[in-house]
Amino acid sequence: MFREVVEDAIARGERLKKDIVNQVLSSAALSDLVSSKKFADTVTRVIQTKDIITKVVHRTVVDALRVMRIPSKEQIETYEKRVKKLETQIDRLGRRILSKKLNHNSHKK
C-alpha cells in the first residue's frame, strides 16, 4: 500500500515536471531570450571569462607551487625512479659484500 502511494506520487511529480518544462520551453519569453543577440553575446562573454579565469587560476597555482618548491608530479615520478635504481644498486652492493665476507671466512678455515 505505502509503496503504491509513493510510486503514484513519484509518477505525478514526473508528469508535473514534464508539464512545467514543456511550458517553459514553449514560452514566448524563452523564445525571445534565446533568439536575442544580446543574450547570445552575454553568454559568449561569460564562457570566455570562465576560460580566462580558469587559465589565470591554473597559472597562479603552478606559480605558487613553484615558489613553495613543491615538486610536480613528473618530478616526483623521476625521484621515485631514482630511488628504485639506488635501492637496486644498494642491494647488489650488499650481496657482493656479503658474498666476499662469506668467501673470506670460508678461506680462513
N, C-alpha and C. Protein backbone atom coordinates (compact mmCIF):
# COMPACT_ATOMS: atom_id res chain seq x y z
N MET A 1 0.83 -1.20 0.00
CA MET A 1 0.00 0.00 0.00
C MET A 1 0.87 1.26 0.00
N PHE A 2 1.82 1.34 0.95
CA PHE A 2 2.69 2.51 1.05
C PHE A 2 3.51 2.68 -0.23
N ARG A 3 4.00 1.55 -0.73
CA ARG A 3 4.81 1.57 -1.96
C ARG A 3 4.00 2.15 -3.13
N GLU A 4 2.74 1.75 -3.25
CA GLU A 4 1.88 2.23 -4.32
C GLU A 4 1.65 3.74 -4.21
N VAL A 5 1.49 4.23 -2.99
CA VAL A 5 1.28 5.66 -2.77
C VAL A 5 2.53 6.43 -3.19
N VAL A 6 3.69 5.92 -2.79
CA VAL A 6 4.94 6.58 -3.14
C VAL A 6 5.15 6.56 -4.66
N GLU A 7 4.93 5.42 -5.28
CA GLU A 7 5.09 5.32 -6.75
C GLU A 7 4.13 6.26 -7.47
N ASP A 8 2.90 6.37 -6.97
CA ASP A 8 1.92 7.27 -7.57
C ASP A 8 2.37 8.73 -7.41
N ALA A 9 2.91 9.08 -6.24
CA ALA A 9 3.39 10.45 -6.01
C ALA A 9 4.57 10.75 -6.93
N ILE A 10 5.46 9.79 -7.09
CA ILE A 10 6.60 9.99 -7.99
C ILE A 10 6.12 10.18 -9.43
N ALA A 11 5.17 9.38 -9.86
CA ALA A 11 4.63 9.50 -11.22
C ALA A 11 3.96 10.85 -11.42
N ARG A 12 3.22 11.31 -10.43
CA ARG A 12 2.58 12.63 -10.53
C ARG A 12 3.64 13.73 -10.59
N GLY A 13 4.67 13.60 -9.78
CA GLY A 13 5.76 14.58 -9.80
C GLY A 13 6.45 14.63 -11.16
N GLU A 14 6.68 13.47 -11.75
CA GLU A 14 7.30 13.41 -13.08
C GLU A 14 6.41 14.08 -14.12
N ARG A 15 5.11 13.81 -14.06
CA ARG A 15 4.18 14.44 -15.02
C ARG A 15 4.17 15.95 -14.83
N LEU A 16 4.15 16.40 -13.59
CA LEU A 16 4.16 17.83 -13.30
C LEU A 16 5.45 18.46 -13.82
N LYS A 17 6.57 17.80 -13.59
CA LYS A 17 7.85 18.32 -14.07
C LYS A 17 7.85 18.42 -15.60
N LYS A 18 7.34 17.40 -16.28
CA LYS A 18 7.27 17.44 -17.75
C LYS A 18 6.39 18.58 -18.22
N ASP A 19 5.27 18.77 -17.56
CA ASP A 19 4.37 19.87 -17.94
C ASP A 19 5.05 21.23 -17.78
N ILE A 20 5.73 21.42 -16.67
CA ILE A 20 6.41 22.70 -16.41
C ILE A 20 7.51 22.93 -17.44
N VAL A 21 8.31 21.89 -17.69
CA VAL A 21 9.39 22.03 -18.69
C VAL A 21 8.81 22.35 -20.05
N ASN A 22 7.75 21.68 -20.44
CA ASN A 22 7.11 21.96 -21.74
C ASN A 22 6.59 23.39 -21.81
N GLN A 23 6.00 23.88 -20.72
CA GLN A 23 5.51 25.25 -20.70
C GLN A 23 6.65 26.26 -20.82
N VAL A 24 7.73 25.99 -20.12
CA VAL A 24 8.88 26.90 -20.18
C VAL A 24 9.47 26.90 -21.59
N LEU A 25 9.67 25.70 -22.15
CA LEU A 25 10.28 25.60 -23.48
C LEU A 25 9.40 26.21 -24.57
N SER A 26 8.11 26.16 -24.38
CA SER A 26 7.22 26.72 -25.40
C SER A 26 6.85 28.18 -25.14
N SER A 27 7.38 28.76 -24.08
CA SER A 27 7.01 30.13 -23.73
C SER A 27 7.65 31.14 -24.69
N ALA A 28 6.95 32.22 -24.89
CA ALA A 28 7.44 33.29 -25.77
C ALA A 28 8.65 33.97 -25.14
N ALA A 29 8.66 34.09 -23.82
CA ALA A 29 9.78 34.75 -23.14
C ALA A 29 11.09 34.00 -23.39
N LEU A 30 11.06 32.68 -23.28
CA LEU A 30 12.27 31.90 -23.54
C LEU A 30 12.67 32.01 -25.00
N SER A 31 11.71 31.97 -25.87
CA SER A 31 11.98 32.09 -27.30
C SER A 31 12.63 33.43 -27.62
N ASP A 32 12.08 34.51 -27.05
CA ASP A 32 12.66 35.84 -27.25
C ASP A 32 14.08 35.92 -26.68
N LEU A 33 14.25 35.35 -25.52
CA LEU A 33 15.56 35.39 -24.86
C LEU A 33 16.60 34.65 -25.69
N VAL A 34 16.30 33.44 -26.11
CA VAL A 34 17.26 32.63 -26.87
C VAL A 34 17.56 33.27 -28.22
N SER A 35 16.60 33.90 -28.83
CA SER A 35 16.83 34.50 -30.15
C SER A 35 17.48 35.89 -30.06
N SER A 36 17.64 36.40 -28.86
CA SER A 36 18.22 37.73 -28.67
C SER A 36 19.73 37.71 -28.88
N LYS A 37 20.23 38.64 -29.70
CA LYS A 37 21.67 38.76 -29.94
C LYS A 37 22.37 39.17 -28.66
N LYS A 38 21.75 40.04 -27.89
CA LYS A 38 22.35 40.50 -26.64
C LYS A 38 22.56 39.32 -25.68
N PHE A 39 21.57 38.43 -25.61
CA PHE A 39 21.68 37.25 -24.76
C PHE A 39 22.83 36.36 -25.25
N ALA A 40 22.90 36.14 -26.54
CA ALA A 40 23.96 35.31 -27.11
C ALA A 40 25.34 35.93 -26.84
N ASP A 41 25.44 37.24 -26.99
CA ASP A 41 26.72 37.92 -26.70
C ASP A 41 27.10 37.78 -25.23
N THR A 42 26.11 37.91 -24.36
CA THR A 42 26.37 37.80 -22.92
C THR A 42 26.84 36.39 -22.57
N VAL A 43 26.19 35.39 -23.11
CA VAL A 43 26.59 34.00 -22.85
C VAL A 43 28.01 33.77 -23.37
N THR A 44 28.31 34.29 -24.55
CA THR A 44 29.66 34.16 -25.12
C THR A 44 30.69 34.79 -24.20
N ARG A 45 30.41 36.00 -23.70
CA ARG A 45 31.34 36.67 -22.79
C ARG A 45 31.53 35.89 -21.48
N VAL A 46 30.46 35.32 -20.98
CA VAL A 46 30.55 34.52 -19.75
C VAL A 46 31.47 33.31 -19.98
N ILE A 47 31.31 32.66 -21.10
CA ILE A 47 32.15 31.49 -21.42
C ILE A 47 33.60 31.91 -21.57
N GLN A 48 33.85 33.01 -22.28
CA GLN A 48 35.22 33.49 -22.46
C GLN A 48 35.84 33.89 -21.12
N THR A 49 35.06 34.56 -20.29
CA THR A 49 35.55 34.97 -18.98
C THR A 49 35.89 33.75 -18.13
N LYS A 50 35.05 32.73 -18.18
CA LYS A 50 35.31 31.49 -17.44
C LYS A 50 36.63 30.88 -17.89
N ASP A 51 36.86 30.83 -19.20
CA ASP A 51 38.11 30.27 -19.72
C ASP A 51 39.32 31.08 -19.26
N ILE A 52 39.19 32.39 -19.29
CA ILE A 52 40.30 33.27 -18.87
C ILE A 52 40.58 33.06 -17.38
N ILE A 53 39.53 33.03 -16.58
CA ILE A 53 39.70 32.84 -15.13
C ILE A 53 40.33 31.48 -14.85
N THR A 54 39.91 30.46 -15.56
CA THR A 54 40.48 29.12 -15.37
C THR A 54 41.97 29.13 -15.66
N LYS A 55 42.36 29.78 -16.75
CA LYS A 55 43.79 29.85 -17.10
C LYS A 55 44.58 30.63 -16.05
N VAL A 56 44.03 31.74 -15.58
CA VAL A 56 44.72 32.55 -14.58
C VAL A 56 44.87 31.77 -13.27
N VAL A 57 43.82 31.12 -12.84
CA VAL A 57 43.88 30.33 -11.61
C VAL A 57 44.91 29.21 -11.76
N HIS A 58 44.89 28.52 -12.88
CA HIS A 58 45.85 27.43 -13.12
C HIS A 58 47.28 27.97 -13.06
N ARG A 59 47.53 29.07 -13.76
CA ARG A 59 48.87 29.65 -13.78
C ARG A 59 49.30 30.08 -12.37
N THR A 60 48.36 30.66 -11.61
CA THR A 60 48.65 31.10 -10.25
C THR A 60 49.00 29.91 -9.35
N VAL A 61 48.26 28.83 -9.48
CA VAL A 61 48.55 27.63 -8.67
C VAL A 61 49.91 27.07 -9.04
N VAL A 62 50.20 26.98 -10.34
CA VAL A 62 51.50 26.47 -10.78
C VAL A 62 52.63 27.35 -10.24
N ASP A 63 52.46 28.66 -10.33
CA ASP A 63 53.48 29.59 -9.81
C ASP A 63 53.64 29.44 -8.30
N ALA A 64 52.54 29.32 -7.57
CA ALA A 64 52.60 29.17 -6.12
C ALA A 64 53.34 27.89 -5.74
N LEU A 65 53.05 26.81 -6.45
CA LEU A 65 53.75 25.55 -6.16
C LEU A 65 55.24 25.67 -6.45
N ARG A 66 55.58 26.39 -7.50
CA ARG A 66 56.98 26.58 -7.84
C ARG A 66 57.68 27.41 -6.76
N VAL A 67 57.03 28.49 -6.31
CA VAL A 67 57.61 29.35 -5.28
C VAL A 67 57.78 28.56 -3.97
N MET A 68 56.83 27.71 -3.68
CA MET A 68 56.88 26.91 -2.46
C MET A 68 57.81 25.69 -2.61
N ARG A 69 58.39 25.54 -3.79
CA ARG A 69 59.31 24.44 -4.10
C ARG A 69 58.66 23.09 -3.93
N ILE A 70 57.39 22.99 -4.29
CA ILE A 70 56.69 21.71 -4.25
C ILE A 70 56.90 21.06 -5.62
N PRO A 71 57.43 19.83 -5.62
CA PRO A 71 57.73 19.18 -6.91
C PRO A 71 56.46 18.83 -7.68
N SER A 72 56.62 18.82 -8.99
CA SER A 72 55.50 18.45 -9.85
C SER A 72 55.35 16.92 -9.83
N LYS A 73 54.27 16.45 -10.40
CA LYS A 73 54.02 15.00 -10.48
C LYS A 73 55.14 14.32 -11.25
N GLU A 74 55.58 14.95 -12.33
CA GLU A 74 56.65 14.37 -13.15
C GLU A 74 57.95 14.30 -12.36
N GLN A 75 58.24 15.36 -11.57
CA GLN A 75 59.46 15.35 -10.76
C GLN A 75 59.40 14.24 -9.71
N ILE A 76 58.25 14.06 -9.09
CA ILE A 76 58.10 13.00 -8.09
C ILE A 76 58.32 11.64 -8.73
N GLU A 77 57.77 11.44 -9.93
CA GLU A 77 57.96 10.17 -10.63
C GLU A 77 59.43 9.94 -10.94
N THR A 78 60.15 11.01 -11.33
CA THR A 78 61.58 10.91 -11.59
C THR A 78 62.32 10.53 -10.31
N TYR A 79 61.95 11.17 -9.19
CA TYR A 79 62.58 10.85 -7.90
C TYR A 79 62.34 9.39 -7.54
N GLU A 80 61.11 8.91 -7.76
CA GLU A 80 60.80 7.51 -7.45
C GLU A 80 61.67 6.56 -8.25
N LYS A 81 61.84 6.85 -9.54
CA LYS A 81 62.69 6.00 -10.39
C LYS A 81 64.13 6.01 -9.88
N ARG A 82 64.62 7.18 -9.50
CA ARG A 82 66.00 7.27 -8.99
C ARG A 82 66.14 6.48 -7.69
N VAL A 83 65.15 6.59 -6.80
CA VAL A 83 65.21 5.86 -5.53
C VAL A 83 65.21 4.35 -5.79
N LYS A 84 64.36 3.88 -6.70
CA LYS A 84 64.32 2.45 -7.01
C LYS A 84 65.65 1.97 -7.59
N LYS A 85 66.24 2.79 -8.45
CA LYS A 85 67.53 2.45 -9.03
C LYS A 85 68.61 2.36 -7.94
N LEU A 86 68.60 3.34 -7.03
CA LEU A 86 69.56 3.33 -5.93
C LEU A 86 69.34 2.13 -5.00
N GLU A 87 68.09 1.80 -4.74
CA GLU A 87 67.80 0.62 -3.91
C GLU A 87 68.36 -0.64 -4.54
N THR A 88 68.18 -0.77 -5.85
CA THR A 88 68.72 -1.93 -6.57
C THR A 88 70.23 -1.97 -6.46
N GLN A 89 70.88 -0.82 -6.65
CA GLN A 89 72.34 -0.77 -6.55
C GLN A 89 72.80 -1.12 -5.14
N ILE A 90 72.13 -0.63 -4.13
CA ILE A 90 72.47 -0.93 -2.74
C ILE A 90 72.31 -2.42 -2.46
N ASP A 91 71.22 -3.01 -2.96
CA ASP A 91 71.01 -4.45 -2.77
C ASP A 91 72.14 -5.25 -3.41
N ARG A 92 72.52 -4.89 -4.63
CA ARG A 92 73.62 -5.59 -5.31
C ARG A 92 74.92 -5.46 -4.52
N LEU A 93 75.20 -4.23 -4.08
CA LEU A 93 76.42 -3.98 -3.32
C LEU A 93 76.41 -4.79 -2.01
N GLY A 94 75.27 -4.81 -1.35
CA GLY A 94 75.15 -5.58 -0.11
C GLY A 94 75.38 -7.06 -0.35
N ARG A 95 74.83 -7.60 -1.43
CA ARG A 95 75.04 -9.02 -1.75
C ARG A 95 76.51 -9.30 -2.05
N ARG A 96 77.17 -8.38 -2.77
CA ARG A 96 78.60 -8.56 -3.08
C ARG A 96 79.43 -8.57 -1.81
N ILE A 97 79.16 -7.62 -0.92
CA ILE A 97 79.92 -7.54 0.33
C ILE A 97 79.71 -8.80 1.16
N LEU A 98 78.46 -9.24 1.25
CA LEU A 98 78.14 -10.44 2.00
C LEU A 98 78.82 -11.66 1.38
N SER A 99 78.79 -11.72 0.07
CA SER A 99 79.43 -12.83 -0.64
C SER A 99 80.94 -12.84 -0.38
N LYS A 100 81.58 -11.67 -0.42
CA LYS A 100 83.02 -11.58 -0.18
C LYS A 100 83.35 -11.99 1.25
N LYS A 101 82.52 -11.58 2.24
CA LYS A 101 82.76 -11.95 3.63
C LYS A 101 82.64 -13.45 3.81
N LEU A 102 81.63 -14.04 3.16
CA LEU A 102 81.44 -15.49 3.26
C LEU A 102 82.62 -16.22 2.64
N ASN A 103 83.07 -15.76 1.47
CA ASN A 103 84.22 -16.37 0.80
C ASN A 103 85.48 -16.20 1.65
N HIS A 104 85.66 -15.03 2.21
CA HIS A 104 86.85 -14.75 3.03
C HIS A 104 86.85 -15.64 4.28
N ASN A 105 85.67 -15.78 4.93
CA ASN A 105 85.57 -16.61 6.13
C ASN A 105 85.78 -18.08 5.80
N SER A 106 85.31 -18.53 4.65
CA SER A 106 85.47 -19.93 4.29
C SER A 106 86.91 -20.26 3.95
N HIS A 107 87.69 -19.28 3.44
CA HIS A 107 89.10 -19.48 3.13
C HIS A 107 89.96 -19.48 4.39
N LYS A 108 89.51 -18.82 5.45
CA LYS A 108 90.26 -18.74 6.70
C LYS A 108 90.30 -20.10 7.39
N LYS A 109 89.29 -20.88 7.24
CA LYS A 109 89.18 -22.15 7.95
C LYS A 109 90.03 -23.21 7.37
